[in-house]
Amino acid sequence: MYIQLLFIQLFFFCNNFFFLLIRTKFITMKKYIPTLILLLFVSIYSNSQSFRPLDKSPMDLIEFSSSDGEKAVRVLYSRPQLKGRNFSSLVPNGKLWRTGANESTEITFYKPASMNNMKIEKGSYTLYTIPNENEWTIIINKATHTWGAYGYNKKNDVLRFNVPAKKSDNLIEALSMVFESSSGGGNLVLGWSDKIVKIPFKI
C-alpha cells in the first residue's frame, strides 16, 4: 500500500514538473530544479516516518465497577513475558517487585475502599509485591510514577499484608491481571508462570 502511494505521489510530481517545463523556458527553470528535487525527497520522507515497535512488555489496563455500575478501581501495568525463562530468575523470592515491568504498577481507587480490613482513601497508588513460595506480601504505596522498585520508600506505605499464592493449572506466558467480583467488592487476580495470587478488596 505504501509503495503504491509513493508511485502515485511521484507520478503527480513528475507530471507537474514537466508541465512547468513546457510552459517555461528550460533555462529559467534550471535554478528551480534543486528546490523541486528537495521538495520531492521531503515529501517522500514525511510519509516514511517509522514508529517504535511494540514494547517487549506492553502496557495494559483493567477496570472494576462497583455494584452501582460506576468505575471503582483501575490497574495500569506492563506485561513482561517468560520467553523460556524461569519466574524465580525474573522475580526472586523475598525481593521487592514492581508487579510488572517498566514503570511500577499503578492502582487507582475511585471510591473509598479497604484491603485486609484497612481503609484506603480514593486516589492513585503504586502496587508493589514481594513474592514467596507460598504467600506474597502486598504493598500499597502512595508514591506514584516510579520506575521499577528503585524509588520505593517504606515510609510511603499505606498498607501491607500477606495473601496465599497458589499453583496455576496452566503456564501463563505473560503477566496477567483480571478482576473478579465478590460480596461487597472483588479480587484483583494476578497470574504469571505457574503462580496465581488473589488480592481481595472491599468497596
N, C-alpha and C. Protein backbone atom coordinates (compact mmCIF):
# COMPACT_ATOMS: atom_id res chain seq x y z
N MET A 1 0.84 -1.20 0.00
CA MET A 1 0.00 0.00 0.00
C MET A 1 0.87 1.25 0.00
N TYR A 2 1.91 1.24 0.81
CA TYR A 2 2.79 2.41 0.89
C TYR A 2 3.51 2.64 -0.43
N ILE A 3 3.98 1.55 -1.10
CA ILE A 3 4.69 1.66 -2.38
C ILE A 3 3.77 2.27 -3.44
N GLN A 4 2.50 1.84 -3.44
CA GLN A 4 1.54 2.38 -4.41
C GLN A 4 1.36 3.87 -4.21
N LEU A 5 1.21 4.30 -2.98
CA LEU A 5 1.05 5.73 -2.70
C LEU A 5 2.28 6.52 -3.11
N LEU A 6 3.46 5.90 -2.91
CA LEU A 6 4.71 6.56 -3.26
C LEU A 6 4.79 6.79 -4.76
N PHE A 7 4.41 5.78 -5.57
CA PHE A 7 4.46 5.92 -7.02
C PHE A 7 3.43 6.93 -7.52
N ILE A 8 2.27 6.94 -6.90
CA ILE A 8 1.25 7.93 -7.29
C ILE A 8 1.76 9.34 -7.02
N GLN A 9 2.37 9.51 -5.84
CA GLN A 9 2.91 10.82 -5.48
C GLN A 9 4.01 11.23 -6.46
N LEU A 10 4.88 10.29 -6.81
CA LEU A 10 5.96 10.56 -7.74
C LEU A 10 5.42 10.90 -9.13
N PHE A 11 4.36 10.20 -9.54
CA PHE A 11 3.76 10.47 -10.85
C PHE A 11 3.23 11.89 -10.94
N PHE A 12 2.47 12.31 -9.93
CA PHE A 12 1.91 13.66 -9.96
C PHE A 12 3.00 14.73 -9.89
N PHE A 13 4.03 14.44 -9.14
CA PHE A 13 5.13 15.40 -9.07
C PHE A 13 5.79 15.57 -10.44
N CYS A 14 6.12 14.44 -11.10
CA CYS A 14 6.77 14.49 -12.41
C CYS A 14 5.86 15.13 -13.44
N ASN A 15 4.57 14.83 -13.36
CA ASN A 15 3.62 15.42 -14.29
C ASN A 15 3.59 16.94 -14.18
N ASN A 16 3.53 17.43 -12.95
CA ASN A 16 3.53 18.87 -12.74
C ASN A 16 4.86 19.50 -13.14
N PHE A 17 5.92 18.77 -12.88
CA PHE A 17 7.25 19.29 -13.21
C PHE A 17 7.42 19.48 -14.71
N PHE A 18 7.04 18.47 -15.51
CA PHE A 18 7.18 18.57 -16.96
C PHE A 18 6.21 19.58 -17.57
N PHE A 19 5.07 19.73 -16.91
CA PHE A 19 4.12 20.74 -17.37
C PHE A 19 4.72 22.14 -17.22
N LEU A 20 5.44 22.35 -16.13
CA LEU A 20 6.11 23.63 -15.94
C LEU A 20 7.24 23.83 -16.94
N LEU A 21 7.92 22.75 -17.30
CA LEU A 21 8.99 22.86 -18.29
C LEU A 21 8.45 23.29 -19.65
N ILE A 22 7.28 22.77 -19.98
CA ILE A 22 6.67 23.11 -21.27
C ILE A 22 6.28 24.58 -21.30
N ARG A 23 5.76 25.08 -20.22
CA ARG A 23 5.25 26.44 -20.18
C ARG A 23 6.34 27.48 -19.94
N THR A 24 7.47 27.03 -19.44
CA THR A 24 8.54 27.97 -19.10
C THR A 24 9.82 27.58 -19.81
N LYS A 25 10.61 28.51 -20.14
CA LYS A 25 11.90 28.20 -20.76
C LYS A 25 12.73 27.36 -19.80
N PHE A 26 13.37 26.34 -20.35
CA PHE A 26 14.14 25.40 -19.53
C PHE A 26 15.24 26.11 -18.77
N ILE A 27 15.88 27.11 -19.40
CA ILE A 27 16.98 27.82 -18.75
C ILE A 27 16.49 28.53 -17.50
N THR A 28 15.30 29.08 -17.59
CA THR A 28 14.74 29.78 -16.43
C THR A 28 14.44 28.80 -15.31
N MET A 29 14.01 27.59 -15.71
CA MET A 29 13.64 26.60 -14.71
C MET A 29 14.83 25.93 -14.03
N LYS A 30 16.01 26.03 -14.66
CA LYS A 30 17.16 25.32 -14.12
C LYS A 30 17.45 25.68 -12.67
N LYS A 31 17.24 26.92 -12.31
CA LYS A 31 17.54 27.34 -10.95
C LYS A 31 16.54 26.79 -9.93
N TYR A 32 15.37 26.32 -10.44
CA TYR A 32 14.36 25.77 -9.53
C TYR A 32 14.46 24.26 -9.37
N ILE A 33 15.22 23.62 -10.25
CA ILE A 33 15.29 22.16 -10.22
C ILE A 33 15.77 21.62 -8.88
N PRO A 34 16.88 22.12 -8.27
CA PRO A 34 17.32 21.60 -6.96
C PRO A 34 16.25 21.73 -5.89
N THR A 35 15.52 22.86 -5.91
CA THR A 35 14.46 23.07 -4.91
C THR A 35 13.34 22.06 -5.08
N LEU A 36 12.96 21.82 -6.36
CA LEU A 36 11.89 20.86 -6.62
C LEU A 36 12.29 19.44 -6.22
N ILE A 37 13.54 19.07 -6.48
CA ILE A 37 14.02 17.75 -6.08
C ILE A 37 14.01 17.62 -4.57
N LEU A 38 14.45 18.69 -3.88
CA LEU A 38 14.45 18.67 -2.42
C LEU A 38 13.04 18.49 -1.88
N LEU A 39 12.06 19.18 -2.50
CA LEU A 39 10.67 19.06 -2.06
C LEU A 39 10.16 17.64 -2.25
N LEU A 40 10.60 16.99 -3.33
CA LEU A 40 10.19 15.62 -3.57
C LEU A 40 10.67 14.70 -2.47
N PHE A 41 11.95 14.81 -2.10
CA PHE A 41 12.51 13.95 -1.07
C PHE A 41 11.90 14.23 0.30
N VAL A 42 11.62 15.51 0.58
CA VAL A 42 10.97 15.86 1.84
C VAL A 42 9.59 15.23 1.92
N SER A 43 8.87 15.27 0.78
CA SER A 43 7.53 14.69 0.74
C SER A 43 7.57 13.19 0.95
N ILE A 44 8.54 12.51 0.29
CA ILE A 44 8.67 11.06 0.44
C ILE A 44 9.04 10.71 1.88
N TYR A 45 9.99 11.46 2.46
CA TYR A 45 10.45 11.17 3.81
C TYR A 45 9.35 11.36 4.84
N SER A 46 8.50 12.38 4.61
CA SER A 46 7.42 12.66 5.56
C SER A 46 6.41 11.52 5.61
N ASN A 47 6.35 10.72 4.53
CA ASN A 47 5.42 9.60 4.51
C ASN A 47 6.08 8.28 4.88
N SER A 48 7.35 8.33 5.24
CA SER A 48 8.06 7.10 5.58
C SER A 48 8.60 7.13 7.00
N GLN A 49 8.02 7.98 7.85
CA GLN A 49 8.45 8.03 9.25
C GLN A 49 8.15 6.70 9.92
N SER A 50 9.10 6.21 10.69
CA SER A 50 8.91 4.93 11.36
C SER A 50 8.42 5.15 12.78
N PHE A 51 7.63 4.20 13.26
CA PHE A 51 7.13 4.22 14.63
C PHE A 51 7.88 3.19 15.46
N ARG A 52 7.86 3.39 16.75
CA ARG A 52 8.51 2.44 17.64
C ARG A 52 7.81 1.09 17.55
N PRO A 53 8.57 -0.01 17.57
CA PRO A 53 7.93 -1.33 17.57
C PRO A 53 7.20 -1.56 18.89
N LEU A 54 6.39 -2.59 18.92
CA LEU A 54 5.66 -2.94 20.13
C LEU A 54 6.63 -3.20 21.27
N ASP A 55 6.33 -2.62 22.43
CA ASP A 55 7.20 -2.79 23.59
C ASP A 55 7.30 -4.27 23.97
N LYS A 56 8.46 -4.66 24.47
CA LYS A 56 8.65 -6.05 24.89
C LYS A 56 7.73 -6.42 26.05
N SER A 57 7.35 -5.42 26.83
CA SER A 57 6.40 -5.64 27.93
C SER A 57 5.27 -4.62 27.76
N PRO A 58 4.33 -4.87 26.85
CA PRO A 58 3.29 -3.88 26.54
C PRO A 58 2.43 -3.52 27.75
N MET A 59 1.95 -2.29 27.74
CA MET A 59 1.12 -1.81 28.84
C MET A 59 -0.32 -2.27 28.66
N ASP A 60 -0.98 -2.52 29.77
CA ASP A 60 -2.38 -2.96 29.74
C ASP A 60 -3.14 -2.27 30.86
N LEU A 61 -4.45 -2.32 30.78
CA LEU A 61 -5.30 -1.64 31.76
C LEU A 61 -6.53 -2.49 32.02
N ILE A 62 -6.90 -2.62 33.29
CA ILE A 62 -8.14 -3.30 33.65
C ILE A 62 -8.91 -2.40 34.62
N GLU A 63 -10.24 -2.55 34.60
CA GLU A 63 -11.10 -1.74 35.47
C GLU A 63 -12.15 -2.61 36.15
N PHE A 64 -12.56 -2.15 37.32
CA PHE A 64 -13.58 -2.86 38.10
C PHE A 64 -14.69 -1.88 38.43
N SER A 65 -15.93 -2.30 38.20
CA SER A 65 -17.10 -1.46 38.52
C SER A 65 -17.78 -1.97 39.78
N SER A 66 -18.25 -1.06 40.59
CA SER A 66 -18.95 -1.43 41.82
C SER A 66 -20.38 -1.85 41.50
N SER A 67 -21.12 -2.25 42.50
CA SER A 67 -22.48 -2.77 42.30
C SER A 67 -23.42 -1.73 41.69
N ASP A 68 -23.09 -0.45 41.84
CA ASP A 68 -23.95 0.60 41.26
C ASP A 68 -23.57 0.90 39.81
N GLY A 69 -22.63 0.13 39.25
CA GLY A 69 -22.24 0.30 37.86
C GLY A 69 -21.19 1.35 37.61
N GLU A 70 -20.74 2.03 38.63
CA GLU A 70 -19.73 3.07 38.46
C GLU A 70 -18.32 2.49 38.58
N LYS A 71 -17.39 3.12 37.86
CA LYS A 71 -16.00 2.67 37.92
C LYS A 71 -15.46 2.86 39.32
N ALA A 72 -14.85 1.79 39.86
CA ALA A 72 -14.39 1.82 41.25
C ALA A 72 -12.88 1.67 41.38
N VAL A 73 -12.28 0.79 40.55
CA VAL A 73 -10.85 0.52 40.65
C VAL A 73 -10.27 0.37 39.24
N ARG A 74 -9.06 0.86 39.07
CA ARG A 74 -8.34 0.69 37.80
C ARG A 74 -6.91 0.28 38.09
N VAL A 75 -6.38 -0.62 37.28
CA VAL A 75 -4.97 -1.02 37.38
C VAL A 75 -4.30 -0.82 36.03
N LEU A 76 -3.19 -0.11 36.06
CA LEU A 76 -2.40 0.15 34.86
C LEU A 76 -1.04 -0.52 35.06
N TYR A 77 -0.71 -1.47 34.17
CA TYR A 77 0.51 -2.25 34.39
C TYR A 77 1.13 -2.68 33.06
N SER A 78 2.40 -3.01 33.09
CA SER A 78 3.09 -3.58 31.92
C SER A 78 3.19 -5.08 32.09
N ARG A 79 3.24 -5.79 30.94
CA ARG A 79 3.11 -7.24 30.96
C ARG A 79 4.37 -7.95 30.46
N PRO A 80 5.32 -8.19 31.36
CA PRO A 80 6.51 -8.95 30.96
C PRO A 80 6.15 -10.37 30.58
N GLN A 81 7.01 -11.00 29.76
CA GLN A 81 6.78 -12.36 29.28
C GLN A 81 7.93 -13.27 29.69
N LEU A 82 7.62 -14.54 29.83
CA LEU A 82 8.64 -15.50 30.25
C LEU A 82 9.69 -15.72 29.17
N LYS A 83 9.25 -16.01 27.95
CA LYS A 83 10.15 -16.27 26.83
C LYS A 83 11.22 -17.31 27.19
N GLY A 84 10.76 -18.42 27.77
CA GLY A 84 11.67 -19.50 28.11
C GLY A 84 12.41 -19.34 29.42
N ARG A 85 12.18 -18.26 30.13
CA ARG A 85 12.89 -18.01 31.39
C ARG A 85 12.05 -18.49 32.58
N ASN A 86 12.71 -18.68 33.70
CA ASN A 86 12.02 -19.08 34.92
C ASN A 86 11.54 -17.85 35.69
N PHE A 87 10.38 -18.01 36.33
CA PHE A 87 9.83 -16.91 37.13
C PHE A 87 10.81 -16.48 38.22
N SER A 88 11.42 -17.47 38.88
CA SER A 88 12.32 -17.16 40.00
C SER A 88 13.55 -16.38 39.56
N SER A 89 13.97 -16.54 38.30
CA SER A 89 15.12 -15.77 37.81
C SER A 89 14.73 -14.34 37.47
N LEU A 90 13.46 -14.13 37.16
CA LEU A 90 12.97 -12.78 36.85
C LEU A 90 12.51 -12.06 38.11
N VAL A 91 11.89 -12.80 39.00
CA VAL A 91 11.37 -12.21 40.25
C VAL A 91 11.80 -13.11 41.41
N PRO A 92 12.96 -12.87 42.00
CA PRO A 92 13.46 -13.73 43.08
C PRO A 92 12.56 -13.67 44.31
N ASN A 93 12.41 -14.79 44.99
CA ASN A 93 11.64 -14.82 46.23
C ASN A 93 12.23 -13.86 47.26
N GLY A 94 11.33 -13.17 47.96
CA GLY A 94 11.75 -12.28 49.02
C GLY A 94 12.22 -10.91 48.56
N LYS A 95 12.16 -10.65 47.25
CA LYS A 95 12.62 -9.36 46.73
C LYS A 95 11.43 -8.49 46.32
N LEU A 96 11.55 -7.20 46.62
CA LEU A 96 10.51 -6.26 46.25
C LEU A 96 10.38 -6.22 44.73
N TRP A 97 9.13 -6.24 44.25
CA TRP A 97 8.87 -6.27 42.81
C TRP A 97 7.87 -5.16 42.46
N ARG A 98 8.08 -4.58 41.30
CA ARG A 98 7.18 -3.53 40.79
C ARG A 98 5.83 -4.07 40.34
N THR A 99 5.67 -5.41 40.35
CA THR A 99 4.46 -6.11 39.93
C THR A 99 4.17 -5.87 38.45
N GLY A 100 5.23 -5.94 37.68
CA GLY A 100 5.09 -5.74 36.25
C GLY A 100 6.46 -5.49 35.64
N ALA A 101 6.51 -4.52 34.73
CA ALA A 101 7.76 -4.13 34.08
C ALA A 101 7.71 -2.63 33.83
N ASN A 102 8.87 -2.09 33.50
CA ASN A 102 8.98 -0.65 33.22
C ASN A 102 8.53 0.16 34.44
N GLU A 103 7.59 1.08 34.24
CA GLU A 103 7.10 1.87 35.37
C GLU A 103 6.30 0.98 36.31
N SER A 104 6.39 1.25 37.60
CA SER A 104 5.70 0.42 38.59
C SER A 104 4.20 0.41 38.34
N THR A 105 3.58 -0.69 38.71
CA THR A 105 2.14 -0.85 38.50
C THR A 105 1.35 0.16 39.35
N GLU A 106 0.38 0.79 38.70
CA GLU A 106 -0.43 1.81 39.37
C GLU A 106 -1.85 1.30 39.59
N ILE A 107 -2.35 1.47 40.80
CA ILE A 107 -3.73 1.11 41.12
C ILE A 107 -4.45 2.36 41.60
N THR A 108 -5.61 2.61 41.01
CA THR A 108 -6.39 3.81 41.34
C THR A 108 -7.74 3.40 41.90
N PHE A 109 -8.08 3.96 43.05
CA PHE A 109 -9.40 3.74 43.67
C PHE A 109 -10.22 5.01 43.45
N TYR A 110 -11.35 4.84 42.80
CA TYR A 110 -12.23 5.99 42.53
C TYR A 110 -13.25 6.20 43.65
N LYS A 111 -13.24 5.26 44.59
CA LYS A 111 -14.10 5.34 45.77
C LYS A 111 -13.30 4.88 46.97
N PRO A 112 -13.67 5.30 48.16
CA PRO A 112 -13.01 4.75 49.35
C PRO A 112 -13.14 3.23 49.37
N ALA A 113 -12.07 2.57 49.75
CA ALA A 113 -12.05 1.10 49.73
C ALA A 113 -11.33 0.58 50.97
N SER A 114 -11.23 -0.72 51.04
CA SER A 114 -10.46 -1.33 52.13
C SER A 114 -9.83 -2.62 51.64
N MET A 115 -8.66 -2.91 52.21
CA MET A 115 -7.96 -4.16 51.96
C MET A 115 -7.49 -4.70 53.30
N ASN A 116 -7.74 -5.97 53.53
CA ASN A 116 -7.33 -6.59 54.78
C ASN A 116 -7.84 -5.81 56.00
N ASN A 117 -9.08 -5.30 55.88
CA ASN A 117 -9.74 -4.52 56.93
C ASN A 117 -9.04 -3.19 57.23
N MET A 118 -8.25 -2.71 56.28
CA MET A 118 -7.61 -1.40 56.42
C MET A 118 -8.13 -0.47 55.34
N LYS A 119 -8.48 0.74 55.73
CA LYS A 119 -9.09 1.69 54.81
C LYS A 119 -8.08 2.27 53.83
N ILE A 120 -8.58 2.54 52.62
CA ILE A 120 -7.80 3.18 51.59
C ILE A 120 -8.61 4.34 51.03
N GLU A 121 -8.07 5.53 51.10
CA GLU A 121 -8.76 6.69 50.53
C GLU A 121 -8.70 6.64 49.00
N LYS A 122 -9.70 7.24 48.35
CA LYS A 122 -9.68 7.23 46.89
C LYS A 122 -8.47 8.02 46.39
N GLY A 123 -7.90 7.55 45.30
CA GLY A 123 -6.69 8.15 44.76
C GLY A 123 -5.84 7.09 44.07
N SER A 124 -4.68 7.49 43.59
CA SER A 124 -3.78 6.57 42.89
C SER A 124 -2.61 6.17 43.79
N TYR A 125 -2.23 4.92 43.66
CA TYR A 125 -1.15 4.36 44.47
C TYR A 125 -0.30 3.44 43.59
N THR A 126 0.85 3.06 44.12
CA THR A 126 1.68 2.05 43.46
C THR A 126 1.48 0.71 44.14
N LEU A 127 1.35 -0.33 43.32
CA LEU A 127 1.17 -1.68 43.84
C LEU A 127 2.50 -2.43 43.75
N TYR A 128 3.13 -2.62 44.89
CA TYR A 128 4.34 -3.44 44.97
C TYR A 128 3.97 -4.80 45.55
N THR A 129 4.79 -5.79 45.26
CA THR A 129 4.61 -7.11 45.86
C THR A 129 5.97 -7.70 46.21
N ILE A 130 5.96 -8.62 47.16
CA ILE A 130 7.16 -9.40 47.50
C ILE A 130 6.75 -10.87 47.39
N PRO A 131 7.08 -11.52 46.27
CA PRO A 131 6.68 -12.92 46.09
C PRO A 131 7.49 -13.87 46.98
N ASN A 132 6.84 -14.90 47.44
CA ASN A 132 7.47 -16.03 48.11
C ASN A 132 6.77 -17.30 47.65
N GLU A 133 7.30 -18.43 48.06
CA GLU A 133 6.78 -19.70 47.52
C GLU A 133 5.31 -19.91 47.84
N ASN A 134 4.92 -19.67 49.08
CA ASN A 134 3.55 -19.99 49.50
C ASN A 134 2.67 -18.77 49.75
N GLU A 135 3.27 -17.59 49.85
CA GLU A 135 2.49 -16.37 50.06
C GLU A 135 3.24 -15.17 49.50
N TRP A 136 2.47 -14.15 49.17
CA TRP A 136 3.04 -12.89 48.67
C TRP A 136 2.68 -11.77 49.62
N THR A 137 3.59 -10.83 49.77
CA THR A 137 3.30 -9.61 50.52
C THR A 137 2.80 -8.55 49.54
N ILE A 138 1.64 -8.01 49.86
CA ILE A 138 1.02 -6.97 49.03
C ILE A 138 1.29 -5.61 49.68
N ILE A 139 1.77 -4.66 48.89
CA ILE A 139 2.11 -3.33 49.41
C ILE A 139 1.39 -2.27 48.58
N ILE A 140 0.65 -1.42 49.24
CA ILE A 140 0.04 -0.25 48.60
C ILE A 140 0.83 0.97 49.06
N ASN A 141 1.44 1.66 48.12
CA ASN A 141 2.36 2.75 48.44
C ASN A 141 1.86 4.04 47.78
N LYS A 142 1.90 5.14 48.51
CA LYS A 142 1.31 6.37 47.99
C LYS A 142 2.17 7.12 46.98
N ALA A 143 3.43 6.73 46.81
CA ALA A 143 4.27 7.35 45.78
C ALA A 143 3.89 6.75 44.43
N THR A 144 3.70 7.59 43.43
CA THR A 144 3.30 7.12 42.10
C THR A 144 4.31 7.56 41.05
N HIS A 145 4.14 7.00 39.84
CA HIS A 145 5.00 7.32 38.69
C HIS A 145 6.47 7.03 39.01
N THR A 146 6.71 5.89 39.63
CA THR A 146 8.07 5.48 39.94
C THR A 146 8.50 4.40 38.94
N TRP A 147 9.78 4.36 38.63
CA TRP A 147 10.31 3.38 37.68
C TRP A 147 10.87 2.18 38.44
N GLY A 148 10.33 1.02 38.13
CA GLY A 148 10.78 -0.17 38.82
C GLY A 148 10.52 -0.08 40.31
N ALA A 149 11.39 -0.69 41.08
CA ALA A 149 11.29 -0.63 42.54
C ALA A 149 12.37 0.27 43.13
N TYR A 150 13.08 0.99 42.23
CA TYR A 150 14.21 1.79 42.69
C TYR A 150 13.79 2.95 43.58
N GLY A 151 12.61 3.51 43.30
CA GLY A 151 12.17 4.67 44.08
C GLY A 151 11.33 4.31 45.29
N TYR A 152 11.30 3.03 45.64
CA TYR A 152 10.46 2.61 46.76
C TYR A 152 10.96 3.16 48.08
N ASN A 153 10.01 3.67 48.87
CA ASN A 153 10.31 4.16 50.22
C ASN A 153 9.23 3.61 51.15
N LYS A 154 9.66 2.82 52.10
CA LYS A 154 8.72 2.17 53.02
C LYS A 154 7.87 3.18 53.78
N LYS A 155 8.39 4.39 53.98
CA LYS A 155 7.65 5.42 54.71
C LYS A 155 6.36 5.81 53.98
N ASN A 156 6.32 5.53 52.68
CA ASN A 156 5.13 5.88 51.89
C ASN A 156 4.10 4.75 51.82
N ASP A 157 4.36 3.66 52.53
CA ASP A 157 3.41 2.55 52.53
C ASP A 157 2.10 2.98 53.19
N VAL A 158 1.00 2.67 52.52
CA VAL A 158 -0.32 2.90 53.09
C VAL A 158 -0.76 1.65 53.85
N LEU A 159 -0.45 0.50 53.30
CA LEU A 159 -0.71 -0.76 53.99
C LEU A 159 0.12 -1.87 53.35
N ARG A 160 0.31 -2.94 54.09
CA ARG A 160 0.93 -4.17 53.57
C ARG A 160 0.34 -5.36 54.31
N PHE A 161 0.13 -6.44 53.59
CA PHE A 161 -0.43 -7.65 54.17
C PHE A 161 -0.07 -8.83 53.27
N ASN A 162 -0.28 -10.01 53.75
CA ASN A 162 0.08 -11.22 53.01
C ASN A 162 -1.17 -11.93 52.48
N VAL A 163 -1.00 -12.53 51.30
CA VAL A 163 -2.06 -13.35 50.71
C VAL A 163 -1.43 -14.67 50.24
N PRO A 164 -2.21 -15.74 50.22
CA PRO A 164 -1.65 -17.03 49.78
C PRO A 164 -1.37 -17.04 48.28
N ALA A 165 -0.35 -17.79 47.89
CA ALA A 165 -0.02 -18.00 46.48
C ALA A 165 -0.38 -19.43 46.11
N LYS A 166 -1.02 -19.58 44.95
CA LYS A 166 -1.44 -20.91 44.51
C LYS A 166 -0.77 -21.25 43.17
N LYS A 167 -0.81 -22.53 42.84
CA LYS A 167 -0.26 -23.01 41.58
C LYS A 167 -1.32 -22.91 40.49
N SER A 168 -0.88 -22.47 39.31
CA SER A 168 -1.78 -22.42 38.15
C SER A 168 -1.78 -23.77 37.45
N ASP A 169 -2.94 -24.15 36.90
CA ASP A 169 -3.03 -25.42 36.17
C ASP A 169 -2.26 -25.35 34.85
N ASN A 170 -2.19 -24.14 34.29
CA ASN A 170 -1.51 -23.95 33.01
C ASN A 170 -0.44 -22.88 33.13
N LEU A 171 0.58 -22.98 32.29
CA LEU A 171 1.64 -21.98 32.28
C LEU A 171 1.10 -20.68 31.71
N ILE A 172 1.35 -19.58 32.41
CA ILE A 172 0.89 -18.26 31.97
C ILE A 172 2.11 -17.52 31.43
N GLU A 173 2.16 -17.32 30.12
CA GLU A 173 3.34 -16.77 29.47
C GLU A 173 3.60 -15.32 29.85
N ALA A 174 2.58 -14.49 29.82
CA ALA A 174 2.72 -13.06 30.14
C ALA A 174 2.00 -12.74 31.43
N LEU A 175 2.57 -11.84 32.21
CA LEU A 175 1.90 -11.39 33.43
C LEU A 175 0.49 -10.93 33.08
N SER A 176 -0.49 -11.45 33.81
CA SER A 176 -1.89 -11.14 33.51
C SER A 176 -2.61 -10.76 34.80
N MET A 177 -3.54 -9.84 34.66
CA MET A 177 -4.36 -9.41 35.79
C MET A 177 -5.82 -9.34 35.35
N VAL A 178 -6.70 -9.66 36.26
CA VAL A 178 -8.12 -9.61 35.98
C VAL A 178 -8.86 -9.35 37.30
N PHE A 179 -10.00 -8.70 37.21
CA PHE A 179 -10.85 -8.51 38.38
C PHE A 179 -11.94 -9.57 38.39
N GLU A 180 -12.28 -10.05 39.57
CA GLU A 180 -13.45 -10.89 39.74
C GLU A 180 -14.28 -10.34 40.90
N SER A 181 -15.58 -10.41 40.74
CA SER A 181 -16.48 -9.86 41.75
C SER A 181 -16.63 -10.80 42.94
N SER A 182 -16.85 -10.20 44.09
CA SER A 182 -17.16 -10.97 45.30
C SER A 182 -18.12 -10.14 46.13
N SER A 183 -18.61 -10.68 47.20
CA SER A 183 -19.58 -9.98 48.04
C SER A 183 -18.97 -8.69 48.62
N GLY A 184 -19.57 -7.56 48.25
CA GLY A 184 -19.12 -6.27 48.78
C GLY A 184 -17.87 -5.72 48.14
N GLY A 185 -17.36 -6.37 47.11
CA GLY A 185 -16.14 -5.89 46.49
C GLY A 185 -15.66 -6.83 45.40
N GLY A 186 -14.38 -7.21 45.46
CA GLY A 186 -13.85 -8.09 44.44
C GLY A 186 -12.46 -8.57 44.78
N ASN A 187 -11.87 -9.24 43.83
CA ASN A 187 -10.49 -9.70 43.94
C ASN A 187 -9.71 -9.24 42.72
N LEU A 188 -8.51 -8.75 42.97
CA LEU A 188 -7.58 -8.49 41.88
C LEU A 188 -6.74 -9.77 41.75
N VAL A 189 -6.86 -10.45 40.63
CA VAL A 189 -6.19 -11.74 40.43
C VAL A 189 -4.96 -11.53 39.55
N LEU A 190 -3.79 -11.93 40.07
CA LEU A 190 -2.53 -11.85 39.34
C LEU A 190 -2.10 -13.26 38.96
N GLY A 191 -1.66 -13.41 37.73
CA GLY A 191 -1.16 -14.70 37.29
C GLY A 191 0.05 -14.55 36.39
N TRP A 192 1.08 -15.34 36.68
CA TRP A 192 2.26 -15.38 35.82
C TRP A 192 3.02 -16.67 36.08
N SER A 193 3.54 -17.25 35.02
CA SER A 193 4.24 -18.53 35.11
C SER A 193 3.26 -19.56 35.68
N ASP A 194 3.56 -20.15 36.83
CA ASP A 194 2.64 -21.10 37.45
C ASP A 194 2.08 -20.54 38.75
N LYS A 195 2.10 -19.18 38.87
CA LYS A 195 1.66 -18.53 40.11
C LYS A 195 0.30 -17.86 39.92
N ILE A 196 -0.54 -17.99 40.93
CA ILE A 196 -1.82 -17.29 40.98
C ILE A 196 -1.96 -16.66 42.37
N VAL A 197 -2.26 -15.37 42.38
CA VAL A 197 -2.44 -14.65 43.64
C VAL A 197 -3.73 -13.83 43.55
N LYS A 198 -4.52 -13.88 44.60
CA LYS A 198 -5.75 -13.09 44.66
C LYS A 198 -5.64 -12.06 45.77
N ILE A 199 -5.92 -10.80 45.39
CA ILE A 199 -5.85 -9.69 46.35
C ILE A 199 -7.28 -9.19 46.58
N PRO A 200 -7.88 -9.52 47.72
CA PRO A 200 -9.26 -9.11 47.98
C PRO A 200 -9.37 -7.64 48.40
N PHE A 201 -10.49 -7.03 48.06
CA PHE A 201 -10.74 -5.65 48.45
C PHE A 201 -12.25 -5.43 48.61
N LYS A 202 -12.59 -4.43 49.36
CA LYS A 202 -13.99 -4.05 49.57
C LYS A 202 -14.20 -2.62 49.08
N ILE A 203 -15.38 -2.37 48.54
CA ILE A 203 -15.74 -1.02 48.08
C ILE A 203 -16.90 -0.49 48.89
